[in-house]
Amino acid sequence: MTAVYGEQLAQILRHSDPDLFAVTTPEIVFQEAQKQNRERFEEIIEDLLLPGSGVEGVENLRSLHALAAQGRPALILSAHVSNLDVPALYTLLKHRGEEALFEDIIFIAGRKLTEGCKSIKSMAEMFSRVVISAKSSRMSEQESSVGMAINKA
């Protein structure tokens, strides 16, 4: 991706705050979208989308959104394929005039998206999310304890 979109990614990194959400703590598991790079990244997504790409069943999202607006619990369980799923959904819904619908979705993201590679972090931070911590047998007792506290929060 860097070979083809290197300049766009460099611009995104220049407009991203590397210290914002660099470490997840139980006090900051909800991370508000930082939208300053969305237009730049949207250009990349538009280039990657195949002709005929779209979102089917938008009426179901609208119905779920209406229920959530009434205070009812709402949860979307989707098949996650890649780190580009959320930006692609954003781009496709925006093209349909459903950007406002998208803005009310809060995603769940693993810590590795915000604490790892700066390029991935700069993409993840464009969208509101609740951060969770995966368990690993390689984690120390301290790391595991922090991860559990993050997940409880």
N, C-alpha and C. Protein backbone atom coordinates (compact mmCIF):
# COMPACT_ATOMS: atom_id res chain seq x y z
N MET A 1 0.83 -1.18 0.00
CA MET A 1 0.00 0.00 0.00
C MET A 1 0.88 1.25 0.00
N THR A 2 1.99 1.19 0.72
CA THR A 2 2.88 2.34 0.79
C THR A 2 3.47 2.67 -0.57
N ALA A 3 3.76 1.65 -1.37
CA ALA A 3 4.35 1.89 -2.69
C ALA A 3 3.42 2.70 -3.57
N VAL A 4 2.13 2.43 -3.50
CA VAL A 4 1.16 3.12 -4.35
C VAL A 4 0.65 4.41 -3.72
N TYR A 5 0.40 4.39 -2.42
CA TYR A 5 -0.24 5.52 -1.75
C TYR A 5 0.69 6.21 -0.76
N GLY A 6 1.99 6.10 -0.97
CA GLY A 6 2.98 6.64 -0.03
C GLY A 6 2.81 8.11 0.27
N GLU A 7 2.58 8.93 -0.74
CA GLU A 7 2.44 10.38 -0.51
C GLU A 7 1.18 10.68 0.29
N GLN A 8 0.06 10.03 -0.06
CA GLN A 8 -1.18 10.26 0.70
C GLN A 8 -1.01 9.81 2.15
N LEU A 9 -0.37 8.66 2.36
CA LEU A 9 -0.15 8.17 3.72
C LEU A 9 0.78 9.10 4.50
N ALA A 10 1.78 9.63 3.84
CA ALA A 10 2.68 10.58 4.50
C ALA A 10 1.91 11.83 4.93
N GLN A 11 1.02 12.33 4.08
CA GLN A 11 0.20 13.49 4.44
C GLN A 11 -0.70 13.17 5.63
N ILE A 12 -1.28 11.98 5.62
CA ILE A 12 -2.14 11.56 6.73
C ILE A 12 -1.34 11.55 8.02
N LEU A 13 -0.14 10.99 7.99
CA LEU A 13 0.70 10.94 9.19
C LEU A 13 1.08 12.34 9.67
N ARG A 14 1.32 13.26 8.73
CA ARG A 14 1.65 14.63 9.11
C ARG A 14 0.49 15.33 9.81
N HIS A 15 -0.72 14.93 9.50
CA HIS A 15 -1.91 15.54 10.09
C HIS A 15 -2.51 14.70 11.21
N SER A 16 -1.75 13.76 11.71
CA SER A 16 -2.19 12.89 12.79
C SER A 16 -1.36 13.20 14.03
N ASP A 17 -1.96 13.09 15.20
CA ASP A 17 -1.26 13.34 16.45
C ASP A 17 -0.76 12.00 17.00
N PRO A 18 0.56 11.74 16.93
CA PRO A 18 1.07 10.44 17.35
C PRO A 18 0.90 10.17 18.84
N ASP A 19 0.73 11.21 19.64
CA ASP A 19 0.58 11.02 21.08
C ASP A 19 -0.86 10.82 21.52
N LEU A 20 -1.81 11.23 20.68
CA LEU A 20 -3.22 11.09 21.03
C LEU A 20 -3.60 9.60 21.03
N PHE A 21 -4.11 9.12 22.13
CA PHE A 21 -4.52 7.72 22.28
C PHE A 21 -3.36 6.74 22.06
N ALA A 22 -2.13 7.19 22.27
CA ALA A 22 -0.97 6.32 22.03
C ALA A 22 -0.93 5.16 23.01
N VAL A 23 -1.48 5.36 24.19
CA VAL A 23 -1.56 4.31 25.19
C VAL A 23 -3.00 4.25 25.69
N THR A 24 -3.58 3.07 25.66
CA THR A 24 -4.95 2.90 26.14
C THR A 24 -4.92 2.61 27.63
N THR A 25 -5.75 3.32 28.36
CA THR A 25 -5.91 3.08 29.79
C THR A 25 -7.40 2.89 30.06
N PRO A 26 -7.76 2.37 31.22
CA PRO A 26 -9.18 2.22 31.54
C PRO A 26 -9.95 3.55 31.50
N GLU A 27 -9.23 4.67 31.64
CA GLU A 27 -9.88 5.98 31.62
C GLU A 27 -10.18 6.48 30.21
N ILE A 28 -9.53 5.92 29.21
CA ILE A 28 -9.75 6.40 27.84
C ILE A 28 -10.04 5.26 26.86
N VAL A 29 -10.99 4.40 27.22
CA VAL A 29 -11.36 3.33 26.29
C VAL A 29 -12.26 3.84 25.17
N PHE A 30 -13.03 4.90 25.44
CA PHE A 30 -13.79 5.52 24.36
C PHE A 30 -12.91 6.56 23.72
N GLN A 31 -12.71 6.43 22.41
CA GLN A 31 -11.84 7.35 21.69
C GLN A 31 -12.63 7.98 20.55
N GLU A 32 -12.84 9.27 20.68
CA GLU A 32 -13.63 10.06 19.71
C GLU A 32 -12.90 10.16 18.37
N ALA A 33 -13.66 10.12 17.29
CA ALA A 33 -13.09 10.22 15.95
C ALA A 33 -12.33 11.52 15.76
N GLN A 34 -11.18 11.42 15.13
CA GLN A 34 -10.38 12.57 14.71
C GLN A 34 -10.52 12.62 13.19
N LYS A 35 -11.32 13.52 12.68
CA LYS A 35 -11.76 13.47 11.28
C LYS A 35 -10.89 14.24 10.29
N GLN A 36 -9.81 14.84 10.75
CA GLN A 36 -9.02 15.69 9.86
C GLN A 36 -8.42 14.96 8.66
N ASN A 37 -8.30 13.65 8.71
CA ASN A 37 -7.69 12.90 7.62
C ASN A 37 -8.69 12.10 6.77
N ARG A 38 -9.94 12.17 7.11
CA ARG A 38 -10.91 11.33 6.41
C ARG A 38 -10.93 11.56 4.90
N GLU A 39 -10.91 12.82 4.49
CA GLU A 39 -10.95 13.10 3.04
C GLU A 39 -9.75 12.50 2.33
N ARG A 40 -8.59 12.63 2.93
CA ARG A 40 -7.38 12.07 2.32
C ARG A 40 -7.48 10.56 2.20
N PHE A 41 -7.95 9.91 3.26
CA PHE A 41 -8.04 8.45 3.23
C PHE A 41 -9.18 7.98 2.34
N GLU A 42 -10.23 8.78 2.26
CA GLU A 42 -11.35 8.43 1.39
C GLU A 42 -10.90 8.30 -0.06
N GLU A 43 -9.97 9.13 -0.49
CA GLU A 43 -9.43 9.04 -1.85
C GLU A 43 -8.78 7.68 -2.09
N ILE A 44 -8.07 7.17 -1.10
CA ILE A 44 -7.43 5.85 -1.22
C ILE A 44 -8.50 4.77 -1.32
N ILE A 45 -9.50 4.84 -0.45
CA ILE A 45 -10.57 3.83 -0.44
C ILE A 45 -11.31 3.85 -1.77
N GLU A 46 -11.64 5.03 -2.27
CA GLU A 46 -12.34 5.12 -3.55
C GLU A 46 -11.54 4.45 -4.66
N ASP A 47 -10.24 4.60 -4.62
CA ASP A 47 -9.38 3.98 -5.62
C ASP A 47 -9.37 2.45 -5.48
N LEU A 48 -9.48 1.96 -4.24
CA LEU A 48 -9.42 0.52 -3.99
C LEU A 48 -10.75 -0.20 -4.22
N LEU A 49 -11.87 0.51 -4.12
CA LEU A 49 -13.18 -0.13 -4.28
C LEU A 49 -13.37 -0.62 -5.72
N LEU A 50 -13.91 -1.79 -5.84
CA LEU A 50 -14.20 -2.34 -7.16
C LEU A 50 -15.49 -1.72 -7.69
N PRO A 51 -15.61 -1.61 -9.01
CA PRO A 51 -16.88 -1.12 -9.57
C PRO A 51 -18.04 -1.99 -9.07
N GLY A 52 -19.12 -1.32 -8.72
CA GLY A 52 -20.30 -2.04 -8.23
C GLY A 52 -20.29 -2.28 -6.73
N SER A 53 -19.22 -1.85 -6.04
CA SER A 53 -19.18 -2.00 -4.58
C SER A 53 -20.30 -1.19 -3.96
N GLY A 54 -20.86 -1.70 -2.89
CA GLY A 54 -21.93 -0.99 -2.22
C GLY A 54 -22.29 -1.63 -0.90
N VAL A 55 -23.29 -1.09 -0.26
CA VAL A 55 -23.79 -1.61 1.00
C VAL A 55 -25.22 -2.06 0.76
N GLU A 56 -25.47 -3.33 1.02
CA GLU A 56 -26.83 -3.85 0.91
C GLU A 56 -27.50 -3.82 2.27
N GLY A 57 -28.78 -3.58 2.29
CA GLY A 57 -29.53 -3.61 3.54
C GLY A 57 -29.41 -2.34 4.37
N VAL A 58 -29.17 -1.20 3.72
CA VAL A 58 -29.06 0.06 4.47
C VAL A 58 -30.33 0.33 5.25
N GLU A 59 -31.47 -0.13 4.73
CA GLU A 59 -32.73 0.08 5.46
C GLU A 59 -32.68 -0.58 6.84
N ASN A 60 -31.95 -1.67 6.97
CA ASN A 60 -31.80 -2.32 8.28
C ASN A 60 -30.97 -1.46 9.23
N LEU A 61 -29.94 -0.81 8.70
CA LEU A 61 -29.15 0.12 9.52
C LEU A 61 -30.02 1.29 9.97
N ARG A 62 -30.86 1.79 9.07
CA ARG A 62 -31.75 2.90 9.43
C ARG A 62 -32.72 2.47 10.54
N SER A 63 -33.27 1.27 10.42
CA SER A 63 -34.19 0.76 11.45
C SER A 63 -33.49 0.60 12.79
N LEU A 64 -32.29 0.06 12.76
CA LEU A 64 -31.52 -0.11 13.99
C LEU A 64 -31.18 1.25 14.59
N HIS A 65 -30.83 2.19 13.74
CA HIS A 65 -30.52 3.54 14.19
C HIS A 65 -31.73 4.17 14.87
N ALA A 66 -32.90 3.98 14.31
CA ALA A 66 -34.13 4.53 14.90
C ALA A 66 -34.38 3.91 16.28
N LEU A 67 -34.15 2.62 16.42
CA LEU A 67 -34.31 1.97 17.73
C LEU A 67 -33.31 2.54 18.74
N ALA A 68 -32.07 2.71 18.32
CA ALA A 68 -31.04 3.25 19.21
C ALA A 68 -31.40 4.68 19.61
N ALA A 69 -31.95 5.46 18.68
CA ALA A 69 -32.34 6.84 18.98
C ALA A 69 -33.44 6.89 20.03
N GLN A 70 -34.21 5.82 20.15
CA GLN A 70 -35.26 5.72 21.17
C GLN A 70 -34.71 5.22 22.51
N GLY A 71 -33.40 4.98 22.55
CA GLY A 71 -32.77 4.50 23.78
C GLY A 71 -32.70 3.00 23.89
N ARG A 72 -33.09 2.31 22.85
CA ARG A 72 -33.04 0.85 22.87
C ARG A 72 -31.61 0.39 22.57
N PRO A 73 -31.19 -0.72 23.16
CA PRO A 73 -29.85 -1.23 22.87
C PRO A 73 -29.74 -1.67 21.41
N ALA A 74 -28.60 -1.41 20.81
CA ALA A 74 -28.38 -1.80 19.42
C ALA A 74 -26.94 -2.27 19.25
N LEU A 75 -26.78 -3.38 18.57
CA LEU A 75 -25.46 -3.95 18.35
C LEU A 75 -25.41 -4.52 16.95
N ILE A 76 -24.33 -4.21 16.24
CA ILE A 76 -24.11 -4.77 14.91
C ILE A 76 -22.97 -5.75 15.01
N LEU A 77 -23.20 -6.97 14.61
CA LEU A 77 -22.14 -7.97 14.56
C LEU A 77 -21.86 -8.24 13.09
N SER A 78 -20.68 -7.88 12.65
CA SER A 78 -20.37 -8.03 11.23
C SER A 78 -19.14 -8.90 11.04
N ALA A 79 -19.04 -9.47 9.86
CA ALA A 79 -17.86 -10.26 9.51
C ALA A 79 -16.73 -9.28 9.22
N HIS A 80 -15.71 -9.33 10.04
CA HIS A 80 -14.57 -8.40 9.90
C HIS A 80 -13.53 -9.04 9.00
N VAL A 81 -13.19 -8.36 7.92
CA VAL A 81 -12.25 -8.92 6.94
C VAL A 81 -10.88 -8.25 7.03
N SER A 82 -10.86 -6.93 7.19
CA SER A 82 -9.56 -6.24 7.21
C SER A 82 -9.68 -4.91 7.96
N ASN A 83 -8.56 -4.25 8.12
CA ASN A 83 -8.55 -2.93 8.76
C ASN A 83 -9.17 -1.86 7.86
N LEU A 84 -9.47 -2.22 6.62
CA LEU A 84 -10.09 -1.26 5.70
C LEU A 84 -11.62 -1.33 5.71
N ASP A 85 -12.19 -2.25 6.48
CA ASP A 85 -13.65 -2.40 6.52
C ASP A 85 -14.36 -1.12 6.94
N VAL A 86 -13.93 -0.50 8.03
CA VAL A 86 -14.60 0.69 8.54
C VAL A 86 -14.45 1.87 7.58
N PRO A 87 -13.23 2.16 7.09
CA PRO A 87 -13.13 3.25 6.11
C PRO A 87 -13.93 2.98 4.83
N ALA A 88 -14.01 1.73 4.41
CA ALA A 88 -14.80 1.41 3.22
C ALA A 88 -16.29 1.61 3.49
N LEU A 89 -16.75 1.19 4.66
CA LEU A 89 -18.16 1.40 5.02
C LEU A 89 -18.47 2.89 5.07
N TYR A 90 -17.58 3.67 5.66
CA TYR A 90 -17.76 5.11 5.71
C TYR A 90 -17.91 5.69 4.30
N THR A 91 -16.98 5.34 3.43
CA THR A 91 -16.97 5.88 2.07
C THR A 91 -18.24 5.48 1.32
N LEU A 92 -18.62 4.22 1.43
CA LEU A 92 -19.80 3.74 0.71
C LEU A 92 -21.08 4.38 1.24
N LEU A 93 -21.20 4.52 2.55
CA LEU A 93 -22.40 5.17 3.11
C LEU A 93 -22.42 6.66 2.79
N LYS A 94 -21.27 7.30 2.80
CA LYS A 94 -21.20 8.71 2.45
C LYS A 94 -21.67 8.93 1.02
N HIS A 95 -21.25 8.06 0.11
CA HIS A 95 -21.67 8.18 -1.28
C HIS A 95 -23.18 8.02 -1.44
N ARG A 96 -23.81 7.32 -0.52
CA ARG A 96 -25.27 7.13 -0.54
C ARG A 96 -26.00 8.24 0.20
N GLY A 97 -25.25 9.21 0.74
CA GLY A 97 -25.89 10.28 1.50
C GLY A 97 -26.25 9.85 2.91
N GLU A 98 -25.61 8.81 3.42
CA GLU A 98 -25.92 8.25 4.74
C GLU A 98 -24.79 8.50 5.74
N GLU A 99 -24.04 9.57 5.55
CA GLU A 99 -22.92 9.86 6.44
C GLU A 99 -23.37 10.05 7.88
N ALA A 100 -24.50 10.70 8.09
CA ALA A 100 -25.00 10.92 9.45
C ALA A 100 -25.31 9.60 10.14
N LEU A 101 -25.83 8.65 9.40
CA LEU A 101 -26.11 7.33 9.94
C LEU A 101 -24.81 6.67 10.40
N PHE A 102 -23.78 6.78 9.59
CA PHE A 102 -22.48 6.21 9.92
C PHE A 102 -21.91 6.83 11.19
N GLU A 103 -22.05 8.14 11.35
CA GLU A 103 -21.43 8.85 12.47
C GLU A 103 -21.92 8.36 13.82
N ASP A 104 -23.10 7.77 13.88
CA ASP A 104 -23.62 7.29 15.15
C ASP A 104 -23.17 5.87 15.49
N ILE A 105 -22.40 5.25 14.63
CA ILE A 105 -21.86 3.92 14.91
C ILE A 105 -20.56 4.07 15.69
N ILE A 106 -20.48 3.37 16.80
CA ILE A 106 -19.24 3.33 17.58
C ILE A 106 -18.67 1.93 17.42
N PHE A 107 -17.46 1.86 16.93
CA PHE A 107 -16.83 0.59 16.63
C PHE A 107 -16.07 0.06 17.83
N ILE A 108 -15.80 -1.22 17.82
CA ILE A 108 -14.95 -1.85 18.83
C ILE A 108 -13.64 -2.16 18.13
N ALA A 109 -12.54 -1.73 18.75
CA ALA A 109 -11.22 -1.92 18.14
C ALA A 109 -10.24 -2.47 19.16
N GLY A 110 -9.36 -3.32 18.71
CA GLY A 110 -8.31 -3.84 19.57
C GLY A 110 -7.24 -2.79 19.83
N ARG A 111 -6.60 -2.91 20.96
CA ARG A 111 -5.52 -1.97 21.34
C ARG A 111 -4.44 -1.87 20.28
N LYS A 112 -4.17 -2.98 19.60
CA LYS A 112 -3.09 -2.98 18.61
C LYS A 112 -3.32 -1.96 17.50
N LEU A 113 -4.59 -1.58 17.27
CA LEU A 113 -4.87 -0.59 16.23
C LEU A 113 -4.44 0.81 16.63
N THR A 114 -4.42 1.10 17.91
CA THR A 114 -4.04 2.45 18.34
C THR A 114 -2.67 2.50 18.99
N GLU A 115 -2.14 1.38 19.38
CA GLU A 115 -0.85 1.38 20.07
C GLU A 115 0.28 0.84 19.21
N GLY A 116 -0.01 0.39 18.03
CA GLY A 116 1.02 -0.21 17.20
C GLY A 116 1.52 0.72 16.11
N CYS A 117 1.48 0.24 14.91
CA CYS A 117 1.97 0.95 13.73
C CYS A 117 1.28 2.32 13.59
N LYS A 118 2.07 3.37 13.36
CA LYS A 118 1.53 4.72 13.25
C LYS A 118 0.55 4.86 12.08
N SER A 119 0.80 4.17 10.98
CA SER A 119 -0.11 4.25 9.83
C SER A 119 -1.47 3.66 10.17
N ILE A 120 -1.48 2.52 10.84
CA ILE A 120 -2.75 1.89 11.24
C ILE A 120 -3.45 2.76 12.27
N LYS A 121 -2.70 3.30 13.23
CA LYS A 121 -3.28 4.18 14.24
C LYS A 121 -3.93 5.40 13.60
N SER A 122 -3.25 5.98 12.60
CA SER A 122 -3.80 7.17 11.96
C SER A 122 -5.10 6.86 11.23
N MET A 123 -5.27 5.62 10.77
CA MET A 123 -6.52 5.22 10.13
C MET A 123 -7.59 4.96 11.18
N ALA A 124 -7.23 4.22 12.23
CA ALA A 124 -8.21 3.88 13.27
C ALA A 124 -8.76 5.12 13.96
N GLU A 125 -7.90 6.13 14.16
CA GLU A 125 -8.35 7.30 14.91
C GLU A 125 -9.37 8.14 14.15
N MET A 126 -9.60 7.85 12.88
CA MET A 126 -10.58 8.61 12.09
C MET A 126 -12.02 8.26 12.47
N PHE A 127 -12.19 7.21 13.28
CA PHE A 127 -13.52 6.69 13.58
C PHE A 127 -13.69 6.48 15.08
N SER A 128 -14.84 6.85 15.62
CA SER A 128 -15.11 6.67 17.05
C SER A 128 -15.11 5.19 17.38
N ARG A 129 -14.49 4.86 18.53
CA ARG A 129 -14.37 3.47 18.88
C ARG A 129 -14.22 3.29 20.39
N VAL A 130 -14.56 2.09 20.83
CA VAL A 130 -14.27 1.64 22.18
C VAL A 130 -13.15 0.62 22.02
N VAL A 131 -12.08 0.82 22.77
CA VAL A 131 -10.90 -0.03 22.63
C VAL A 131 -10.97 -1.16 23.65
N ILE A 132 -10.66 -2.35 23.17
CA ILE A 132 -10.60 -3.53 24.03
C ILE A 132 -9.20 -4.13 23.94
N SER A 133 -8.91 -5.00 24.89
CA SER A 133 -7.59 -5.64 24.93
C SER A 133 -7.75 -7.15 24.77
N ALA A 134 -7.02 -7.69 23.83
CA ALA A 134 -7.02 -9.14 23.63
C ALA A 134 -6.12 -9.78 24.67
N LYS A 135 -6.42 -11.03 25.02
CA LYS A 135 -5.57 -11.77 25.94
C LYS A 135 -4.54 -12.55 25.14
N SER A 136 -3.39 -12.71 25.73
CA SER A 136 -2.33 -13.47 25.09
C SER A 136 -1.53 -14.20 26.16
N SER A 137 -1.11 -15.39 25.84
CA SER A 137 -0.29 -16.15 26.79
C SER A 137 1.08 -15.52 26.97
N ARG A 138 1.46 -14.65 26.06
CA ARG A 138 2.76 -13.96 26.13
C ARG A 138 2.72 -12.72 27.02
N MET A 139 1.54 -12.37 27.52
CA MET A 139 1.41 -11.17 28.36
C MET A 139 1.92 -11.46 29.77
N SER A 140 2.56 -10.44 30.35
CA SER A 140 2.95 -10.55 31.75
C SER A 140 1.69 -10.42 32.61
N GLU A 141 1.84 -10.71 33.89
CA GLU A 141 0.70 -10.58 34.79
C GLU A 141 0.22 -9.13 34.84
N GLN A 142 1.16 -8.19 34.81
CA GLN A 142 0.83 -6.76 34.82
C GLN A 142 0.06 -6.38 33.55
N GLU A 143 0.55 -6.81 32.39
CA GLU A 143 -0.12 -6.51 31.11
C GLU A 143 -1.52 -7.10 31.09
N SER A 144 -1.64 -8.32 31.58
CA SER A 144 -2.94 -8.99 31.63
C SER A 144 -3.90 -8.23 32.55
N SER A 145 -3.40 -7.75 33.68
CA SER A 145 -4.21 -7.00 34.63
C SER A 145 -4.70 -5.69 34.00
N VAL A 146 -3.81 -4.98 33.30
CA VAL A 146 -4.19 -3.74 32.62
C VAL A 146 -5.23 -4.04 31.53
N GLY A 147 -5.01 -5.11 30.76
CA GLY A 147 -5.96 -5.49 29.72
C GLY A 147 -7.34 -5.79 30.29
N MET A 148 -7.40 -6.50 31.41
CA MET A 148 -8.69 -6.79 32.03
C MET A 148 -9.37 -5.51 32.51
N ALA A 149 -8.59 -4.58 33.04
CA ALA A 149 -9.16 -3.31 33.51
C ALA A 149 -9.72 -2.51 32.32
N ILE A 150 -9.02 -2.53 31.20
CA ILE A 150 -9.50 -1.86 29.99
C ILE A 150 -10.81 -2.49 29.54
N ASN A 151 -10.88 -3.80 29.49
CA ASN A 151 -12.10 -4.47 29.04
C ASN A 151 -13.27 -4.25 29.99
N LYS A 152 -13.01 -4.18 31.28
CA LYS A 152 -14.09 -3.89 32.25
C LYS A 152 -14.61 -2.48 32.07
N ALA A 153 -13.70 -1.55 31.78
CA ALA A 153 -14.10 -0.15 31.61
C ALA A 153 -15.02 -0.02 30.41
